[in-house]
Amino acid sequence: LNCLSFKQAVCTMLKVNAGETIEGELTSFISYAFTFPKSFLVLVDSYDVFNSGVPNFLIVTLALHKLNFKAVGVRIDSGDLAYQSIEIRKTFKLAGEHFGIDYLANFVHRG
């Protein structure tokens, strides 16, 4: 999966500094997606939900989409779950509109 080609585009859209995303997290997401491309669902709150987890998820999701796979969604299990769920849903909708991928707005996010 050539995910790095999507990193700057995702970070720019989300107004996130690409250097703030956690590379190890991205690497683990890529490995998981490579192994399970039809069931890519990951925990995004291991480090920072909005500056790393969600951007890294979207980076890998765009790469999967390019290969005709659809990611399933994300999990969150700590912090203000209601707030994070609302913001993640908004982010997915924005990303779907920005990248022309309509199913992003319907992603699953589980607490």
PDB file of N, CA and C in Angstrom:
ATOM      1  N   LEU A   1       0.840  -1.188   0.000  1.00  0.00           N
ATOM      2  CA  LEU A   1       0.000   0.000   0.000  1.00  0.00           C
ATOM      3  C   LEU A   1       0.876   1.238   0.000  1.00  0.00           C
ATOM      4  N   ASN A   2       0.671   2.100  -0.968  1.00  0.00           N
ATOM      5  CA  ASN A   2       1.440   3.337  -1.043  1.00  0.00           C
ATOM      6  C   ASN A   2       0.681   4.454  -0.335  1.00  0.00           C
ATOM      7  N   CYS A   3       0.673   4.408   0.969  1.00  0.00           N
ATOM      8  CA  CYS A   3      -0.090   5.357   1.775  1.00  0.00           C
ATOM      9  C   CYS A   3       0.564   6.716   1.874  1.00  0.00           C
ATOM     10  N   LEU A   4       1.862   6.757   1.800  1.00  0.00           N
ATOM     11  CA  LEU A   4       2.556   8.028   2.015  1.00  0.00           C
ATOM     12  C   LEU A   4       2.180   9.072   0.976  1.00  0.00           C
ATOM     13  N   SER A   5       1.745   8.638  -0.208  1.00  0.00           N
ATOM     14  CA  SER A   5       1.340   9.598  -1.235  1.00  0.00           C
ATOM     15  C   SER A   5       0.075  10.357  -0.834  1.00  0.00           C
ATOM     16  N   PHE A   6      -0.671   9.837   0.133  1.00  0.00           N
ATOM     17  CA  PHE A   6      -1.900  10.488   0.581  1.00  0.00           C
ATOM     18  C   PHE A   6      -1.701  11.325   1.851  1.00  0.00           C
ATOM     19  N   LYS A   7      -0.570  11.193   2.495  1.00  0.00           N
ATOM     20  CA  LYS A   7      -0.366  11.824   3.799  1.00  0.00           C
ATOM     21  C   LYS A   7      -0.508  13.339   3.750  1.00  0.00           C
ATOM     22  N   GLN A   8       0.166  13.991   2.844  1.00  0.00           N
ATOM     23  CA  GLN A   8       0.117  15.448   2.801  1.00  0.00           C
ATOM     24  C   GLN A   8      -1.279  15.940   2.462  1.00  0.00           C
ATOM     25  N   ALA A   9      -1.947  15.274   1.535  1.00  0.00           N
ATOM     26  CA  ALA A   9      -3.303  15.689   1.150  1.00  0.00           C
ATOM     27  C   ALA A   9      -4.264  15.598   2.328  1.00  0.00           C
ATOM     28  N   VAL A  10      -4.186  14.508   3.086  1.00  0.00           N
ATOM     29  CA  VAL A  10      -5.062  14.330   4.250  1.00  0.00           C
ATOM     30  C   VAL A  10      -4.729  15.366   5.318  1.00  0.00           C
ATOM     31  N   CYS A  11      -3.460  15.520   5.623  1.00  0.00           N
ATOM     32  CA  CYS A  11      -3.067  16.464   6.672  1.00  0.00           C
ATOM     33  C   CYS A  11      -3.412  17.898   6.302  1.00  0.00           C
ATOM     34  N   THR A  12      -3.263  18.254   5.050  1.00  0.00           N
ATOM     35  CA  THR A  12      -3.628  19.595   4.595  1.00  0.00           C
ATOM     36  C   THR A  12      -5.132  19.812   4.742  1.00  0.00           C
ATOM     37  N   MET A  13      -5.924  18.841   4.307  1.00  0.00           N
ATOM     38  CA  MET A  13      -7.374  18.954   4.404  1.00  0.00           C
ATOM     39  C   MET A  13      -7.823  19.110   5.855  1.00  0.00           C
ATOM     40  N   LEU A  14      -7.189  18.355   6.766  1.00  0.00           N
ATOM     41  CA  LEU A  14      -7.561  18.392   8.174  1.00  0.00           C
ATOM     42  C   LEU A  14      -6.870  19.508   8.954  1.00  0.00           C
ATOM     43  N   LYS A  15      -5.979  20.236   8.281  1.00  0.00           N
ATOM     44  CA  LYS A  15      -5.199  21.305   8.931  1.00  0.00           C
ATOM     45  C   LYS A  15      -4.395  20.754  10.105  1.00  0.00           C
ATOM     46  N   VAL A  16      -3.751  19.621   9.836  1.00  0.00           N
ATOM     47  CA  VAL A  16      -2.911  18.932  10.818  1.00  0.00           C
ATOM     48  C   VAL A  16      -1.484  18.959  10.296  1.00  0.00           C
ATOM     49  N   ASN A  17      -0.528  19.221  11.163  1.00  0.00           N
ATOM     50  CA  ASN A  17       0.880  19.166  10.788  1.00  0.00           C
ATOM     51  C   ASN A  17       1.252  17.709  10.539  1.00  0.00           C
ATOM     52  N   ALA A  18       1.696  17.398   9.331  1.00  0.00           N
ATOM     53  CA  ALA A  18       2.042  16.015   8.978  1.00  0.00           C
ATOM     54  C   ALA A  18       3.098  15.438   9.906  1.00  0.00           C
ATOM     55  N   GLY A  19       3.937  16.278  10.472  1.00  0.00           N
ATOM     56  CA  GLY A  19       4.969  15.824  11.389  1.00  0.00           C
ATOM     57  C   GLY A  19       4.437  15.415  12.754  1.00  0.00           C
ATOM     58  N   GLU A  20       3.190  15.770  13.056  1.00  0.00           N
ATOM     59  CA  GLU A  20       2.590  15.416  14.343  1.00  0.00           C
ATOM     60  C   GLU A  20       1.946  14.034  14.347  1.00  0.00           C
ATOM     61  N   THR A  21       1.703  13.480  13.169  1.00  0.00           N
ATOM     62  CA  THR A  21       1.125  12.142  13.140  1.00  0.00           C
ATOM     63  C   THR A  21       2.172  11.137  13.599  1.00  0.00           C
ATOM     64  N   ILE A  22       1.720  10.095  14.249  1.00  0.00           N
ATOM     65  CA  ILE A  22       2.626   9.085  14.795  1.00  0.00           C
ATOM     66  C   ILE A  22       2.930   8.046  13.714  1.00  0.00           C
ATOM     67  N   GLU A  23       4.204   8.006  13.280  1.00  0.00           N
ATOM     68  CA  GLU A  23       4.597   7.099  12.199  1.00  0.00           C
ATOM     69  C   GLU A  23       4.380   5.631  12.558  1.00  0.00           C
ATOM     70  N   GLY A  24       4.646   5.273  13.806  1.00  0.00           N
ATOM     71  CA  GLY A  24       4.449   3.885  14.226  1.00  0.00           C
ATOM     72  C   GLY A  24       2.998   3.466  14.132  1.00  0.00           C
ATOM     73  N   GLU A  25       2.109   4.394  14.451  1.00  0.00           N
ATOM     74  CA  GLU A  25       0.677   4.122  14.327  1.00  0.00           C
ATOM     75  C   GLU A  25       0.306   3.920  12.856  1.00  0.00           C
ATOM     76  N   LEU A  26       0.801   4.807  11.992  1.00  0.00           N
ATOM     77  CA  LEU A  26       0.537   4.671  10.562  1.00  0.00           C
ATOM     78  C   LEU A  26       1.068   3.339  10.042  1.00  0.00           C
ATOM     79  N   THR A  27       2.259   2.974  10.466  1.00  0.00           N
ATOM     80  CA  THR A  27       2.852   1.700  10.052  1.00  0.00           C
ATOM     81  C   THR A  27       1.979   0.522  10.486  1.00  0.00           C
ATOM     82  N   SER A  28       1.475   0.579  11.715  1.00  0.00           N
ATOM     83  CA  SER A  28       0.625  -0.524  12.181  1.00  0.00           C
ATOM     84  C   SER A  28      -0.701  -0.548  11.419  1.00  0.00           C
ATOM     85  N   PHE A  29      -1.261   0.610  11.094  1.00  0.00           N
ATOM     86  CA  PHE A  29      -2.491   0.652  10.306  1.00  0.00           C
ATOM     87  C   PHE A  29      -2.260   0.075   8.915  1.00  0.00           C
ATOM     88  N   ILE A  30      -1.128   0.417   8.311  1.00  0.00           N
ATOM     89  CA  ILE A  30      -0.801  -0.113   6.977  1.00  0.00           C
ATOM     90  C   ILE A  30      -0.667  -1.632   7.034  1.00  0.00           C
ATOM     91  N   SER A  31       0.033  -2.127   8.039  1.00  0.00           N
ATOM     92  CA  SER A  31       0.212  -3.576   8.178  1.00  0.00           C
ATOM     93  C   SER A  31      -1.122  -4.282   8.354  1.00  0.00           C
ATOM     94  N   TYR A  32      -1.979  -3.703   9.180  1.00  0.00           N
ATOM     95  CA  TYR A  32      -3.298  -4.299   9.408  1.00  0.00           C
ATOM     96  C   TYR A  32      -4.126  -4.287   8.128  1.00  0.00           C
ATOM     97  N   ALA A  33      -4.113  -3.170   7.412  1.00  0.00           N
ATOM     98  CA  ALA A  33      -4.872  -3.056   6.160  1.00  0.00           C
ATOM     99  C   ALA A  33      -4.347  -4.010   5.100  1.00  0.00           C
ATOM    100  N   PHE A  34      -3.044  -4.189   5.054  1.00  0.00           N
ATOM    101  CA  PHE A  34      -2.442  -5.116   4.094  1.00  0.00           C
ATOM    102  C   PHE A  34      -2.916  -6.546   4.371  1.00  0.00           C
ATOM    103  N   THR A  35      -3.020  -6.883   5.650  1.00  0.00           N
ATOM    104  CA  THR A  35      -3.433  -8.227   6.048  1.00  0.00           C
ATOM    105  C   THR A  35      -4.943  -8.423   5.945  1.00  0.00           C
ATOM    106  N   PHE A  36      -5.705  -7.382   6.290  1.00  0.00           N
ATOM    107  CA  PHE A  36      -7.171  -7.471   6.315  1.00  0.00           C
ATOM    108  C   PHE A  36      -7.801  -6.320   5.520  1.00  0.00           C
ATOM    109  N   PRO A  37      -7.598  -6.279   4.206  1.00  0.00           N
ATOM    110  CA  PRO A  37      -8.087  -5.126   3.432  1.00  0.00           C
ATOM    111  C   PRO A  37      -9.612  -5.005   3.380  1.00  0.00           C
ATOM    112  N   LYS A  38     -10.325  -6.084   3.629  1.00  0.00           N
ATOM    113  CA  LYS A  38     -11.791  -6.040   3.575  1.00  0.00           C
ATOM    114  C   LYS A  38     -12.418  -5.751   4.934  1.00  0.00           C
ATOM    115  N   SER A  39     -11.612  -5.710   5.984  1.00  0.00           N
ATOM    116  CA  SER A  39     -12.174  -5.480   7.325  1.00  0.00           C
ATOM    117  C   SER A  39     -11.318  -4.507   8.133  1.00  0.00           C
ATOM    118  N   PHE A  40     -10.858  -3.453   7.478  1.00  0.00           N
ATOM    119  CA  PHE A  40      -9.994  -2.468   8.125  1.00  0.00           C
ATOM    120  C   PHE A  40     -10.799  -1.607   9.092  1.00  0.00           C
ATOM    121  N   LEU A  41     -10.691  -1.909  10.371  1.00  0.00           N
ATOM    122  CA  LEU A  41     -11.334  -1.187  11.465  1.00  0.00           C
ATOM    123  C   LEU A  41     -10.285  -1.055  12.560  1.00  0.00           C
ATOM    124  N   VAL A  42      -9.927   0.177  12.920  1.00  0.00           N
ATOM    125  CA  VAL A  42      -8.817   0.369  13.859  1.00  0.00           C
ATOM    126  C   VAL A  42      -9.180   1.291  15.012  1.00  0.00           C
ATOM    127  N   LEU A  43      -8.451   1.136  16.098  1.00  0.00           N
ATOM    128  CA  LEU A  43      -8.562   1.994  17.277  1.00  0.00           C
ATOM    129  C   LEU A  43      -7.749   3.256  17.014  1.00  0.00           C
ATOM    130  N   VAL A  44      -8.397   4.423  17.072  1.00  0.00           N
ATOM    131  CA  VAL A  44      -7.709   5.666  16.709  1.00  0.00           C
ATOM    132  C   VAL A  44      -7.337   6.543  17.892  1.00  0.00           C
ATOM    133  N   ASP A  45      -7.559   6.070  19.115  1.00  0.00           N
ATOM    134  CA  ASP A  45      -7.230   6.937  20.248  1.00  0.00           C
ATOM    135  C   ASP A  45      -6.049   6.447  21.073  1.00  0.00           C
ATOM    136  N   SER A  46      -5.159   5.706  20.463  1.00  0.00           N
ATOM    137  CA  SER A  46      -3.962   5.262  21.176  1.00  0.00           C
ATOM    138  C   SER A  46      -3.033   6.428  21.503  1.00  0.00           C
ATOM    139  N   TYR A  47      -2.956   7.413  20.621  1.00  0.00           N
ATOM    140  CA  TYR A  47      -2.084   8.569  20.827  1.00  0.00           C
ATOM    141  C   TYR A  47      -2.904   9.854  20.877  1.00  0.00           C
ATOM    142  N   ASP A  48      -3.324  10.325  19.730  1.00  0.00           N
ATOM    143  CA  ASP A  48      -4.072  11.569  19.621  1.00  0.00           C
ATOM    144  C   ASP A  48      -5.105  11.374  18.516  1.00  0.00           C
ATOM    145  N   VAL A  49      -6.362  11.354  18.888  1.00  0.00           N
ATOM    146  CA  VAL A  49      -7.436  11.037  17.942  1.00  0.00           C
ATOM    147  C   VAL A  49      -7.389  11.918  16.703  1.00  0.00           C
ATOM    148  N   PHE A  50      -7.334  13.235  16.898  1.00  0.00           N
ATOM    149  CA  PHE A  50      -7.515  14.151  15.768  1.00  0.00           C
ATOM    150  C   PHE A  50      -6.229  14.605  15.088  1.00  0.00           C
ATOM    151  N   ASN A  51      -5.091  14.436  15.731  1.00  0.00           N
ATOM    152  CA  ASN A  51      -3.821  14.820  15.106  1.00  0.00           C
ATOM    153  C   ASN A  51      -3.029  13.623  14.607  1.00  0.00           C
ATOM    154  N   SER A  52      -3.488  12.422  14.890  1.00  0.00           N
ATOM    155  CA  SER A  52      -2.758  11.241  14.436  1.00  0.00           C
ATOM    156  C   SER A  52      -3.694  10.109  14.028  1.00  0.00           C
ATOM    157  N   GLY A  53      -4.538   9.646  14.943  1.00  0.00           N
ATOM    158  CA  GLY A  53      -5.363   8.471  14.672  1.00  0.00           C
ATOM    159  C   GLY A  53      -6.260   8.602  13.456  1.00  0.00           C
ATOM    160  N   VAL A  54      -7.089   9.645  13.442  1.00  0.00           N
ATOM    161  CA  VAL A  54      -8.007   9.839  12.319  1.00  0.00           C
ATOM    162  C   VAL A  54      -7.249  10.164  11.025  1.00  0.00           C
ATOM    163  N   PRO A  55      -6.250  11.065  11.043  1.00  0.00           N
ATOM    164  CA  PRO A  55      -5.491  11.279   9.805  1.00  0.00           C
ATOM    165  C   PRO A  55      -4.841   9.993   9.285  1.00  0.00           C
ATOM    166  N   ASN A  56      -4.230   9.213  10.173  1.00  0.00           N
ATOM    167  CA  ASN A  56      -3.595   7.964   9.729  1.00  0.00           C
ATOM    168  C   ASN A  56      -4.625   6.986   9.174  1.00  0.00           C
ATOM    169  N   PHE A  57      -5.788   6.920   9.814  1.00  0.00           N
ATOM    170  CA  PHE A  57      -6.856   6.069   9.299  1.00  0.00           C
ATOM    171  C   PHE A  57      -7.262   6.506   7.890  1.00  0.00           C
ATOM    172  N   LEU A  58      -7.448   7.803   7.691  1.00  0.00           N
ATOM    173  CA  LEU A  58      -7.859   8.296   6.371  1.00  0.00           C
ATOM    174  C   LEU A  58      -6.784   8.084   5.315  1.00  0.00           C
ATOM    175  N   ILE A  59      -5.531   8.216   5.698  1.00  0.00           N
ATOM    176  CA  ILE A  59      -4.428   7.961   4.757  1.00  0.00           C
ATOM    177  C   ILE A  59      -4.517   6.535   4.230  1.00  0.00           C
ATOM    178  N   VAL A  60      -4.673   5.587   5.132  1.00  0.00           N
ATOM    179  CA  VAL A  60      -4.749   4.181   4.733  1.00  0.00           C
ATOM    180  C   VAL A  60      -6.056   3.903   3.992  1.00  0.00           C
ATOM    181  N   THR A  61      -7.136   4.536   4.419  1.00  0.00           N
ATOM    182  CA  THR A  61      -8.424   4.352   3.751  1.00  0.00           C
ATOM    183  C   THR A  61      -8.361   4.795   2.299  1.00  0.00           C
ATOM    184  N   LEU A  62      -7.694   5.908   2.024  1.00  0.00           N
ATOM    185  CA  LEU A  62      -7.555   6.373   0.639  1.00  0.00           C
ATOM    186  C   LEU A  62      -6.747   5.390  -0.201  1.00  0.00           C
ATOM    187  N   ALA A  63      -5.705   4.831   0.381  1.00  0.00           N
ATOM    188  CA  ALA A  63      -4.912   3.829  -0.337  1.00  0.00           C
ATOM    189  C   ALA A  63      -5.749   2.579  -0.620  1.00  0.00           C
ATOM    190  N   LEU A  64      -6.512   2.137   0.367  1.00  0.00           N
ATOM    191  CA  LEU A  64      -7.392   0.983   0.152  1.00  0.00           C
ATOM    192  C   LEU A  64      -8.420   1.280  -0.931  1.00  0.00           C
ATOM    193  N   HIS A  65      -8.987   2.468  -0.897  1.00  0.00           N
ATOM    194  CA  HIS A  65      -9.982   2.860  -1.899  1.00  0.00           C
ATOM    195  C   HIS A  65      -9.386   2.789  -3.304  1.00  0.00           C
ATOM    196  N   LYS A  66      -8.164   3.244  -3.429  1.00  0.00           N
ATOM    197  CA  LYS A  66      -7.491   3.211  -4.736  1.00  0.00           C
ATOM    198  C   LYS A  66      -7.341   1.773  -5.243  1.00  0.00           C
ATOM    199  N   LEU A  67      -7.284   0.822  -4.310  1.00  0.00           N
ATOM    200  CA  LEU A  67      -7.159  -0.599  -4.661  1.00  0.00           C
ATOM    201  C   LEU A  67      -8.522  -1.304  -4.676  1.00  0.00           C
ATOM    202  N   ASN A  68      -9.597  -0.506  -4.662  1.00  0.00           N
ATOM    203  CA  ASN A  68     -10.977  -1.008  -4.704  1.00  0.00           C
ATOM    204  C   ASN A  68     -11.412  -1.770  -3.460  1.00  0.00           C
ATOM    205  N   PHE A  69     -10.879  -1.390  -2.312  1.00  0.00           N
ATOM    206  CA  PHE A  69     -11.335  -1.925  -1.027  1.00  0.00           C
ATOM    207  C   PHE A  69     -11.966  -0.775  -0.243  1.00  0.00           C
ATOM    208  N   LYS A  70     -12.902  -1.122   0.636  1.00  0.00           N
ATOM    209  CA  LYS A  70     -13.526  -0.130   1.500  1.00  0.00           C
ATOM    210  C   LYS A  70     -13.175  -0.432   2.949  1.00  0.00           C
ATOM    211  N   ALA A  71     -12.644   0.557   3.627  1.00  0.00           N
ATOM    212  CA  ALA A  71     -12.403   0.418   5.060  1.00  0.00           C
ATOM    213  C   ALA A  71     -13.752   0.321   5.769  1.00  0.00           C
ATOM    214  N   VAL A  72     -13.740  -0.214   6.986  1.00  0.00           N
ATOM    215  CA  VAL A  72     -14.976  -0.389   7.744  1.00  0.00           C
ATOM    216  C   VAL A  72     -15.238   0.801   8.663  1.00  0.00           C
ATOM    217  N   GLY A  73     -14.221   1.266   9.376  1.00  0.00           N
ATOM    218  CA  GLY A  73     -14.409   2.382  10.290  1.00  0.00           C
ATOM    219  C   GLY A  73     -13.376   2.406  11.386  1.00  0.00           C
ATOM    220  N   VAL A  74     -13.703   3.126  12.452  1.00  0.00           N
ATOM    221  CA  VAL A  74     -12.765   3.304  13.558  1.00  0.00           C
ATOM    222  C   VAL A  74     -13.426   2.957  14.886  1.00  0.00           C
ATOM    223  N   ARG A  75     -12.575   2.728  15.877  1.00  0.00           N
ATOM    224  CA  ARG A  75     -13.011   2.526  17.259  1.00  0.00           C
ATOM    225  C   ARG A  75     -12.367   3.585  18.132  1.00  0.00           C
ATOM    226  N   ILE A  76     -13.111   4.009  19.122  1.00  0.00           N
ATOM    227  CA  ILE A  76     -12.567   4.876  20.165  1.00  0.00           C
ATOM    228  C   ILE A  76     -12.998   4.263  21.485  1.00  0.00           C
ATOM    229  N   ASP A  77     -12.135   4.327  22.491  1.00  0.00           N
ATOM    230  CA  ASP A  77     -12.527   3.703  23.763  1.00  0.00           C
ATOM    231  C   ASP A  77     -12.101   4.495  24.990  1.00  0.00           C
ATOM    232  N   SER A  78     -11.705   5.743  24.791  1.00  0.00           N
ATOM    233  CA  SER A  78     -11.352   6.558  25.949  1.00  0.00           C
ATOM    234  C   SER A  78     -11.605   8.029  25.636  1.00  0.00           C
ATOM    235  N   GLY A  79     -11.691   8.815  26.679  1.00  0.00           N
ATOM    236  CA  GLY A  79     -11.950  10.240  26.515  1.00  0.00           C
ATOM    237  C   GLY A  79     -13.441  10.513  26.413  1.00  0.00           C
ATOM    238  N   ASP A  80     -13.783  11.655  25.887  1.00  0.00           N
ATOM    239  CA  ASP A  80     -15.177  12.064  25.715  1.00  0.00           C
ATOM    240  C   ASP A  80     -15.711  11.416  24.442  1.00  0.00           C
ATOM    241  N   LEU A  81     -16.299  10.238  24.594  1.00  0.00           N
ATOM    242  CA  LEU A  81     -16.735   9.443  23.447  1.00  0.00           C
ATOM    243  C   LEU A  81     -17.797  10.160  22.613  1.00  0.00           C
ATOM    244  N   ALA A  82     -18.720  10.844  23.263  1.00  0.00           N
ATOM    245  CA  ALA A  82     -19.774  11.546  22.519  1.00  0.00           C
ATOM    246  C   ALA A  82     -19.171  12.643  21.639  1.00  0.00           C
ATOM    247  N   TYR A  83     -18.332  13.478  22.226  1.00  0.00           N
ATOM    248  CA  TYR A  83     -17.693  14.559  21.470  1.00  0.00           C
ATOM    249  C   TYR A  83     -16.850  13.993  20.329  1.00  0.00           C
ATOM    250  N   GLN A  84     -16.030  12.993  20.644  1.00  0.00           N
ATOM    251  CA  GLN A  84     -15.164  12.419  19.617  1.00  0.00           C
ATOM    252  C   GLN A  84     -15.981  11.800  18.486  1.00  0.00           C
ATOM    253  N   SER A  85     -17.063  11.126  18.820  1.00  0.00           N
ATOM    254  CA  SER A  85     -17.912  10.515  17.789  1.00  0.00           C
ATOM    255  C   SER A  85     -18.479  11.567  16.843  1.00  0.00           C
ATOM    256  N   ILE A  86     -18.963  12.657  17.412  1.00  0.00           N
ATOM    257  CA  ILE A  86     -19.526  13.736  16.590  1.00  0.00           C
ATOM    258  C   ILE A  86     -18.461  14.334  15.686  1.00  0.00           C
ATOM    259  N   GLU A  87     -17.291  14.620  16.247  1.00  0.00           N
ATOM    260  CA  GLU A  87     -16.211  15.229  15.460  1.00  0.00           C
ATOM    261  C   GLU A  87     -15.655  14.280  14.408  1.00  0.00           C
ATOM    262  N   ILE A  88     -15.559  13.012  14.736  1.00  0.00           N
ATOM    263  CA  ILE A  88     -15.077  12.026  13.764  1.00  0.00           C
ATOM    264  C   ILE A  88     -16.059  11.921  12.607  1.00  0.00           C
ATOM    265  N   ARG A  89     -17.343  11.887  12.904  1.00  0.00           N
ATOM    266  CA  ARG A  89     -18.369  11.830  11.854  1.00  0.00           C
ATOM    267  C   ARG A  89     -18.251  13.044  10.933  1.00  0.00           C
ATOM    268  N   LYS A  90     -18.075  14.239  11.510  1.00  0.00           N
ATOM    269  CA  LYS A  90     -17.898  15.452  10.708  1.00  0.00           C
ATOM    270  C   LYS A  90     -16.653  15.344   9.826  1.00  0.00           C
ATOM    271  N   THR A  91     -15.580  14.812  10.408  1.00  0.00           N
ATOM    272  CA  THR A  91     -14.323  14.664   9.668  1.00  0.00           C
ATOM    273  C   THR A  91     -14.479  13.705   8.504  1.00  0.00           C
ATOM    274  N   PHE A  92     -15.161  12.587   8.726  1.00  0.00           N
ATOM    275  CA  PHE A  92     -15.391  11.622   7.645  1.00  0.00           C
ATOM    276  C   PHE A  92     -16.234  12.237   6.536  1.00  0.00           C
ATOM    277  N   LYS A  93     -17.247  13.008   6.912  1.00  0.00           N
ATOM    278  CA  LYS A  93     -18.092  13.658   5.907  1.00  0.00           C
ATOM    279  C   LYS A  93     -17.266  14.642   5.087  1.00  0.00           C
ATOM    280  N   LEU A  94     -16.456  15.449   5.773  1.00  0.00           N
ATOM    281  CA  LEU A  94     -15.581  16.400   5.090  1.00  0.00           C
ATOM    282  C   LEU A  94     -14.618  15.686   4.149  1.00  0.00           C
ATOM    283  N   ALA A  95     -14.010  14.618   4.628  1.00  0.00           N
ATOM    284  CA  ALA A  95     -13.057  13.857   3.798  1.00  0.00           C
ATOM    285  C   ALA A  95     -13.761  13.243   2.590  1.00  0.00           C
ATOM    286  N   GLY A  96     -14.963  12.732   2.802  1.00  0.00           N
ATOM    287  CA  GLY A  96     -15.719  12.160   1.689  1.00  0.00           C
ATOM    288  C   GLY A  96     -15.995  13.182   0.604  1.00  0.00           C
ATOM    289  N   GLU A  97     -16.384  14.370   1.024  1.00  0.00           N
ATOM    290  CA  GLU A  97     -16.638  15.449   0.063  1.00  0.00           C
ATOM    291  C   GLU A  97     -15.349  15.895  -0.611  1.00  0.00           C
ATOM    292  N   HIS A  98     -14.297  16.047   0.178  1.00  0.00           N
ATOM    293  CA  HIS A  98     -13.017  16.535  -0.343  1.00  0.00           C
ATOM    294  C   HIS A  98     -12.397  15.570  -1.359  1.00  0.00           C
ATOM    295  N   PHE A  99     -12.433  14.284  -1.046  1.00  0.00           N
ATOM    296  CA  PHE A  99     -11.790  13.290  -1.908  1.00  0.00           C
ATOM    297  C   PHE A  99     -12.764  12.590  -2.856  1.00  0.00           C
ATOM    298  N   GLY A 100     -14.034  12.980  -2.826  1.00  0.00           N
ATOM    299  CA  GLY A 100     -15.017  12.407  -3.738  1.00  0.00           C
ATOM    300  C   GLY A 100     -15.336  10.949  -3.450  1.00  0.00           C
ATOM    301  N   ILE A 101     -15.388  10.599  -2.171  1.00  0.00           N
ATOM    302  CA  ILE A 101     -15.681   9.216  -1.775  1.00  0.00           C
ATOM    303  C   ILE A 101     -16.904   9.263  -0.860  1.00  0.00           C
ATOM    304  N   ASP A 102     -18.077   9.002  -1.440  1.00  0.00           N
ATOM    305  CA  ASP A 102     -19.318   9.215  -0.707  1.00  0.00           C
ATOM    306  C   ASP A 102     -19.511   8.293   0.492  1.00  0.00           C
ATOM    307  N   TYR A 103     -18.975   7.096   0.481  1.00  0.00           N
ATOM    308  CA  TYR A 103     -19.215   6.175   1.590  1.00  0.00           C
ATOM    309  C   TYR A 103     -18.464   6.565   2.872  1.00  0.00           C
ATOM    310  N   LEU A 104     -17.520   7.496   2.799  1.00  0.00           N
ATOM    311  CA  LEU A 104     -16.815   7.914   4.016  1.00  0.00           C
ATOM    312  C   LEU A 104     -17.770   8.497   5.063  1.00  0.00           C
ATOM    313  N   ALA A 105     -18.813   9.154   4.631  1.00  0.00           N
ATOM    314  CA  ALA A 105     -19.761   9.756   5.578  1.00  0.00           C
ATOM    315  C   ALA A 105     -20.550   8.698   6.356  1.00  0.00           C
ATOM    316  N   ASN A 106     -20.534   7.471   5.878  1.00  0.00           N
ATOM    317  CA  ASN A 106     -21.301   6.403   6.521  1.00  0.00           C
ATOM    318  C   ASN A 106     -20.441   5.444   7.317  1.00  0.00           C
ATOM    319  N   PHE A 107     -19.184   5.804   7.542  1.00  0.00           N
ATOM    320  CA  PHE A 107     -18.299   4.925   8.292  1.00  0.00           C
ATOM    321  C   PHE A 107     -18.802   4.658   9.690  1.00  0.00           C
ATOM    322  N   VAL A 108     -18.425   3.521  10.179  1.00  0.00           N
ATOM    323  CA  VAL A 108     -18.743   3.118  11.539  1.00  0.00           C
ATOM    324  C   VAL A 108     -17.729   3.740  12.471  1.00  0.00           C
ATOM    325  N   HIS A 109     -18.180   4.232  13.590  1.00  0.00           N
ATOM    326  CA  HIS A 109     -17.274   4.630  14.669  1.00  0.00           C
ATOM    327  C   HIS A 109     -17.877   4.082  15.948  1.00  0.00           C
ATOM    328  N   ARG A 110     -17.139   3.238  16.596  1.00  0.00           N
ATOM    329  CA  ARG A 110     -17.631   2.540  17.768  1.00  0.00           C
ATOM    330  C   ARG A 110     -16.875   2.962  19.003  1.00  0.00           C
ATOM    331  N   GLY A 111     -17.611   3.094  20.076  1.00  0.00           N
ATOM    332  CA  GLY A 111     -16.994   3.424  21.352  1.00  0.00           C
ATOM    333  C   GLY A 111     -16.719   2.195  22.176  1.00  0.00           C
TER     334      GLY A 111
END
